Amino acid sequence: MLQLFAFDRVGIVLGDIYFLDPEPSPGQEGLERGVRLELRLMSQLDLEQPGTIYASQPILIDEPLWRCDLLEAADSEPGSFNRTHHHPEMTDWEPADRVFDRALSSDPLAWLGDRLADVTPLLKDSGLEPEALADCAGQIRDCAPEIVAAAQRLLDRVWQGVTPVPEANEPGALVRTGWL
């Protein structure tokens, strides 16, 4: 499932994910499950759409600026958050290395809420001018409780087995399900 909170120029996308890292760090082997959340640029495509003033407009969910992975080993107890991390840097659609934070792993939803309450540092770290996106930052702050609640609902779905779990039968097989 994919959920989107879209603001003027940035948005928050989140979805459930199952993932097998093809080159895991020691202790990070095996299938992971959870919720991925990304801060993304948003834009309306400047296409001359045929149709009336009532026609739907194309919307682009564009480049990621920051990623938070509320992950855990798929064979662990739900809520262990033993693989939870974030990627403060994203370049050309690729995340930099995983950054583990004890506060993030111990209370991921509170940590996430704190980051969403002020995305200005995330915007600065992405090379954007936070002043130009102040309205979006305020809108994200105001919606932070809803976004965190959406992340919790997605985690609940993962833990209840609503999302099908992929099988990793072959060594080296690429396994990834989810929108993000």
C-alpha atoms as a PDB file:
ATOM      1  CA  MET A   1       0.000   0.000   0.000  1.00  0.00           C
ATOM      2  CA  LEU A   2       1.239   3.496  -0.816  1.00  0.00           C
ATOM      3  CA  GLN A   3       0.061   6.618   0.966  1.00  0.00           C
ATOM      4  CA  LEU A   4       0.843  10.188   0.007  1.00  0.00           C
ATOM      5  CA  PHE A   5       0.660  13.467   1.867  1.00  0.00           C
ATOM      6  CA  ALA A   6       1.229  16.104  -0.808  1.00  0.00           C
ATOM      7  CA  PHE A   7       1.966  19.745  -0.138  1.00  0.00           C
ATOM      8  CA  ASP A   8       2.881  22.537  -2.545  1.00  0.00           C
ATOM      9  CA  ARG A   9       6.414  21.475  -3.486  1.00  0.00           C
ATOM     10  CA  VAL A  10       7.226  18.516  -1.253  1.00  0.00           C
ATOM     11  CA  GLY A  11       5.373  15.488  -0.039  1.00  0.00           C
ATOM     12  CA  ILE A  12       5.638  12.543   2.284  1.00  0.00           C
ATOM     13  CA  VAL A  13       5.151   9.108   0.760  1.00  0.00           C
ATOM     14  CA  LEU A  14       5.009   5.969   2.823  1.00  0.00           C
ATOM     15  CA  GLY A  15       4.394   2.351   2.099  1.00  0.00           C
ATOM     16  CA  ASP A  16       4.871  -1.146   3.373  1.00  0.00           C
ATOM     17  CA  ILE A  17       7.955  -2.984   2.183  1.00  0.00           C
ATOM     18  CA  TYR A  18       9.626  -6.369   2.286  1.00  0.00           C
ATOM     19  CA  PHE A  19      13.266  -6.275   1.324  1.00  0.00           C
ATOM     20  CA  LEU A  20      16.305  -8.518   1.114  1.00  0.00           C
ATOM     21  CA  ASP A  21      19.565  -6.594   1.039  1.00  0.00           C
ATOM     22  CA  PRO A  22      21.762  -8.225  -1.625  1.00  0.00           C
ATOM     23  CA  GLU A  23      24.913  -6.937   0.150  1.00  0.00           C
ATOM     24  CA  PRO A  24      24.022  -6.813   3.847  1.00  0.00           C
ATOM     25  CA  SER A  25      26.320  -5.568   6.559  1.00  0.00           C
ATOM     26  CA  PRO A  26      27.232  -8.146   9.204  1.00  0.00           C
ATOM     27  CA  GLY A  27      24.206  -8.816  11.396  1.00  0.00           C
ATOM     28  CA  GLN A  28      21.805  -7.431   8.780  1.00  0.00           C
ATOM     29  CA  GLU A  29      21.309 -10.625   6.774  1.00  0.00           C
ATOM     30  CA  GLY A  30      17.854 -11.953   5.930  1.00  0.00           C
ATOM     31  CA  LEU A  31      14.502 -10.610   4.853  1.00  0.00           C
ATOM     32  CA  GLU A  32      13.349  -7.305   6.349  1.00  0.00           C
ATOM     33  CA  ARG A  33       9.795  -6.008   6.729  1.00  0.00           C
ATOM     34  CA  GLY A  34       8.268  -2.733   7.710  1.00  0.00           C
ATOM     35  CA  VAL A  35       7.400   0.731   6.476  1.00  0.00           C
ATOM     36  CA  ARG A  36       9.462   3.059   4.310  1.00  0.00           C
ATOM     37  CA  LEU A  37       8.796   6.789   4.427  1.00  0.00           C
ATOM     38  CA  GLU A  38      10.349   9.364   2.106  1.00  0.00           C
ATOM     39  CA  LEU A  39      10.355  13.136   1.899  1.00  0.00           C
ATOM     40  CA  ARG A  40       9.999  13.808  -1.838  1.00  0.00           C
ATOM     41  CA  LEU A  41       9.855  16.737  -4.196  1.00  0.00           C
ATOM     42  CA  MET A  42       6.434  17.182  -5.789  1.00  0.00           C
ATOM     43  CA  SER A  43       5.429  18.974  -8.966  1.00  0.00           C
ATOM     44  CA  GLN A  44       2.654  19.348 -11.437  1.00  0.00           C
ATOM     45  CA  LEU A  45       3.794  18.349 -14.886  1.00  0.00           C
ATOM     46  CA  ASP A  46       3.700  21.276 -17.254  1.00  0.00           C
ATOM     47  CA  LEU A  47       1.903  19.522 -20.057  1.00  0.00           C
ATOM     48  CA  GLU A  48      -0.627  21.096 -22.287  1.00  0.00           C
ATOM     49  CA  GLN A  49      -3.403  18.737 -21.438  1.00  0.00           C
ATOM     50  CA  PRO A  50      -6.240  18.499 -23.863  1.00  0.00           C
ATOM     51  CA  GLY A  51      -9.606  18.809 -22.272  1.00  0.00           C
ATOM     52  CA  THR A  52     -11.636  21.158 -20.233  1.00  0.00           C
ATOM     53  CA  ILE A  53     -10.881  23.116 -17.109  1.00  0.00           C
ATOM     54  CA  TYR A  54     -12.307  20.087 -15.271  1.00  0.00           C
ATOM     55  CA  ALA A  55      -9.661  17.674 -16.580  1.00  0.00           C
ATOM     56  CA  SER A  56      -7.407  15.983 -14.035  1.00  0.00           C
ATOM     57  CA  GLN A  57      -3.844  17.246 -13.856  1.00  0.00           C
ATOM     58  CA  PRO A  58      -0.732  15.048 -13.967  1.00  0.00           C
ATOM     59  CA  ILE A  59       1.230  15.070 -10.723  1.00  0.00           C
ATOM     60  CA  LEU A  60       4.840  13.972 -10.341  1.00  0.00           C
ATOM     61  CA  ILE A  61       6.118  12.430  -7.120  1.00  0.00           C
ATOM     62  CA  ASP A  62       9.717  13.293  -7.786  1.00  0.00           C
ATOM     63  CA  GLU A  63      13.183  12.854  -6.339  1.00  0.00           C
ATOM     64  CA  PRO A  64      13.619  11.681  -2.732  1.00  0.00           C
ATOM     65  CA  LEU A  65      15.293  14.053  -0.286  1.00  0.00           C
ATOM     66  CA  TRP A  66      15.333  11.863   2.845  1.00  0.00           C
ATOM     67  CA  ARG A  67      14.291   8.326   3.757  1.00  0.00           C
ATOM     68  CA  CYS A  68      13.299   6.647   7.000  1.00  0.00           C
ATOM     69  CA  ASP A  69      13.007   2.848   7.110  1.00  0.00           C
ATOM     70  CA  LEU A  70      10.995   1.456  10.016  1.00  0.00           C
ATOM     71  CA  LEU A  71      12.318  -2.034   9.374  1.00  0.00           C
ATOM     72  CA  GLU A  72      12.915  -5.174  11.356  1.00  0.00           C
ATOM     73  CA  ALA A  73      14.095  -8.672  10.547  1.00  0.00           C
ATOM     74  CA  ALA A  74      11.118 -10.571   9.134  1.00  0.00           C
ATOM     75  CA  ASP A  75      11.725 -13.449  11.539  1.00  0.00           C
ATOM     76  CA  SER A  76      11.779 -11.191  14.635  1.00  0.00           C
ATOM     77  CA  GLU A  77       8.918 -10.287  16.931  1.00  0.00           C
ATOM     78  CA  PRO A  78       6.665  -7.541  15.528  1.00  0.00           C
ATOM     79  CA  GLY A  79       7.761  -4.217  16.923  1.00  0.00           C
ATOM     80  CA  SER A  80      11.407  -5.165  17.441  1.00  0.00           C
ATOM     81  CA  PHE A  81      12.570  -2.397  15.047  1.00  0.00           C
ATOM     82  CA  ASN A  82      15.969  -4.106  14.993  1.00  0.00           C
ATOM     83  CA  ARG A  83      16.784  -2.839  11.475  1.00  0.00           C
ATOM     84  CA  THR A  84      15.238   0.631  11.779  1.00  0.00           C
ATOM     85  CA  HIS A  85      17.410   3.366  10.296  1.00  0.00           C
ATOM     86  CA  HIS A  86      17.315   6.457   8.116  1.00  0.00           C
ATOM     87  CA  HIS A  87      19.152   7.871   5.125  1.00  0.00           C
ATOM     88  CA  PRO A  88      19.840  11.578   5.645  1.00  0.00           C
ATOM     89  CA  GLU A  89      21.439  11.775   2.213  1.00  0.00           C
ATOM     90  CA  MET A  90      19.914  10.776  -1.108  1.00  0.00           C
ATOM     91  CA  THR A  91      21.711  11.399  -4.403  1.00  0.00           C
ATOM     92  CA  ASP A  92      20.291  10.670  -7.849  1.00  0.00           C
ATOM     93  CA  TRP A  93      17.550   8.455  -6.368  1.00  0.00           C
ATOM     94  CA  GLU A  94      20.092   6.399  -4.384  1.00  0.00           C
ATOM     95  CA  PRO A  95      20.327   6.410  -0.591  1.00  0.00           C
ATOM     96  CA  ALA A  96      23.635   6.912   1.193  1.00  0.00           C
ATOM     97  CA  ASP A  97      24.584   4.392   3.876  1.00  0.00           C
ATOM     98  CA  ARG A  98      22.132   3.414   6.577  1.00  0.00           C
ATOM     99  CA  VAL A  99      22.340   5.579   9.677  1.00  0.00           C
ATOM    100  CA  PHE A 100      21.283   3.858  12.879  1.00  0.00           C
ATOM    101  CA  ASP A 101      20.146   5.988  15.794  1.00  0.00           C
ATOM    102  CA  ARG A 102      19.398   4.516  19.208  1.00  0.00           C
ATOM    103  CA  ALA A 103      16.488   6.938  19.724  1.00  0.00           C
ATOM    104  CA  LEU A 104      15.013   5.953  16.361  1.00  0.00           C
ATOM    105  CA  SER A 105      15.144   2.240  17.184  1.00  0.00           C
ATOM    106  CA  SER A 106      13.803   2.647  20.719  1.00  0.00           C
ATOM    107  CA  ASP A 107      10.765   4.783  19.805  1.00  0.00           C
ATOM    108  CA  PRO A 108      10.543   5.093  16.012  1.00  0.00           C
ATOM    109  CA  LEU A 109       7.179   6.784  15.797  1.00  0.00           C
ATOM    110  CA  ALA A 110       8.065   9.476  18.334  1.00  0.00           C
ATOM    111  CA  TRP A 111      11.409  10.019  16.557  1.00  0.00           C
ATOM    112  CA  LEU A 112       9.590  10.293  13.235  1.00  0.00           C
ATOM    113  CA  GLY A 113       7.091  12.757  14.700  1.00  0.00           C
ATOM    114  CA  ASP A 114       9.959  14.914  15.942  1.00  0.00           C
ATOM    115  CA  ARG A 115      11.564  14.986  12.468  1.00  0.00           C
ATOM    116  CA  LEU A 116       8.271  15.832  10.788  1.00  0.00           C
ATOM    117  CA  ALA A 117       7.573  18.601  13.306  1.00  0.00           C
ATOM    118  CA  ASP A 118      10.519  20.477  11.795  1.00  0.00           C
ATOM    119  CA  VAL A 119      11.694  19.304   8.368  1.00  0.00           C
ATOM    120  CA  THR A 120      13.848  22.419   7.926  1.00  0.00           C
ATOM    121  CA  PRO A 121      17.104  20.541   8.758  1.00  0.00           C
ATOM    122  CA  LEU A 122      16.153  17.782   6.298  1.00  0.00           C
ATOM    123  CA  LEU A 123      15.546  20.363   3.572  1.00  0.00           C
ATOM    124  CA  LYS A 124      18.863  22.117   4.322  1.00  0.00           C
ATOM    125  CA  ASP A 125      20.741  18.805   4.252  1.00  0.00           C
ATOM    126  CA  SER A 126      19.210  18.156   0.821  1.00  0.00           C
ATOM    127  CA  GLY A 127      20.602  21.413  -0.502  1.00  0.00           C
ATOM    128  CA  LEU A 128      17.248  23.176  -0.722  1.00  0.00           C
ATOM    129  CA  GLU A 129      16.458  26.649   0.550  1.00  0.00           C
ATOM    130  CA  PRO A 130      14.167  26.036   3.552  1.00  0.00           C
ATOM    131  CA  GLU A 131      12.854  29.594   3.366  1.00  0.00           C
ATOM    132  CA  ALA A 132      11.377  28.853  -0.074  1.00  0.00           C
ATOM    133  CA  LEU A 133       9.604  25.823   1.380  1.00  0.00           C
ATOM    134  CA  ALA A 134       8.508  27.336   4.700  1.00  0.00           C
ATOM    135  CA  ASP A 135       4.807  26.886   3.845  1.00  0.00           C
ATOM    136  CA  CYS A 136       5.376  23.205   3.083  1.00  0.00           C
ATOM    137  CA  ALA A 137       7.374  22.726   6.285  1.00  0.00           C
ATOM    138  CA  GLY A 138       4.509  24.252   8.261  1.00  0.00           C
ATOM    139  CA  GLN A 139       1.962  22.045   6.519  1.00  0.00           C
ATOM    140  CA  ILE A 140       4.038  18.940   7.228  1.00  0.00           C
ATOM    141  CA  ARG A 141       4.367  20.005  10.885  1.00  0.00           C
ATOM    142  CA  ASP A 142       0.586  20.412  11.107  1.00  0.00           C
ATOM    143  CA  CYS A 143       0.016  16.995   9.499  1.00  0.00           C
ATOM    144  CA  ALA A 144       2.777  15.197  11.435  1.00  0.00           C
ATOM    145  CA  PRO A 145       0.342  13.395  13.781  1.00  0.00           C
ATOM    146  CA  GLU A 146      -1.659  12.123  10.770  1.00  0.00           C
ATOM    147  CA  ILE A 147       1.504  10.970   8.993  1.00  0.00           C
ATOM    148  CA  VAL A 148       2.758   9.153  12.090  1.00  0.00           C
ATOM    149  CA  ALA A 149      -0.683   7.535  12.527  1.00  0.00           C
ATOM    150  CA  ALA A 150      -0.558   6.385   8.872  1.00  0.00           C
ATOM    151  CA  ALA A 151       2.872   4.837   9.509  1.00  0.00           C
ATOM    152  CA  GLN A 152       1.458   3.002  12.540  1.00  0.00           C
ATOM    153  CA  ARG A 153      -1.491   1.680  10.500  1.00  0.00           C
ATOM    154  CA  LEU A 154       0.886   0.396   7.820  1.00  0.00           C
ATOM    155  CA  LEU A 155       3.071  -1.263  10.461  1.00  0.00           C
ATOM    156  CA  ASP A 156      -0.030  -2.919  11.928  1.00  0.00           C
ATOM    157  CA  ARG A 157      -0.904  -4.298   8.462  1.00  0.00           C
ATOM    158  CA  VAL A 158       2.615  -5.689   8.056  1.00  0.00           C
ATOM    159  CA  TRP A 159       2.529  -7.288  11.518  1.00  0.00           C
ATOM    160  CA  GLN A 160      -0.930  -8.785  10.883  1.00  0.00           C
ATOM    161  CA  GLY A 161       0.302 -10.361   7.653  1.00  0.00           C
ATOM    162  CA  VAL A 162      -2.078  -8.368   5.433  1.00  0.00           C
ATOM    163  CA  THR A 163       0.779  -7.709   3.005  1.00  0.00           C
ATOM    164  CA  PRO A 164       2.009 -10.916   1.348  1.00  0.00           C
ATOM    165  CA  VAL A 165       5.554 -11.928   2.287  1.00  0.00           C
ATOM    166  CA  PRO A 166       7.843 -12.683  -0.662  1.00  0.00           C
ATOM    167  CA  GLU A 167       9.966 -15.804  -0.604  1.00  0.00           C
ATOM    168  CA  ALA A 168      13.732 -15.715  -0.939  1.00  0.00           C
ATOM    169  CA  ASN A 169      14.327 -19.232  -2.221  1.00  0.00           C
ATOM    170  CA  GLU A 170      17.456 -18.693  -4.256  1.00  0.00           C
ATOM    171  CA  PRO A 171      20.724 -17.338  -2.882  1.00  0.00           C
ATOM    172  CA  GLY A 172      21.367 -13.896  -4.314  1.00  0.00           C
ATOM    173  CA  ALA A 173      17.765 -13.482  -5.506  1.00  0.00           C
ATOM    174  CA  LEU A 174      16.519  -9.919  -5.546  1.00  0.00           C
ATOM    175  CA  VAL A 175      13.556  -9.603  -3.232  1.00  0.00           C
ATOM    176  CA  ARG A 176      11.664  -6.359  -2.832  1.00  0.00           C
ATOM    177  CA  THR A 177       7.963  -5.685  -2.645  1.00  0.00           C
ATOM    178  CA  GLY A 178       6.334  -2.342  -2.118  1.00  0.00           C
ATOM    179  CA  TRP A 179       6.026   0.964  -3.917  1.00  0.00           C
ATOM    180  CA  LEU A 180       9.123   2.636  -2.462  1.00  0.00           C
END
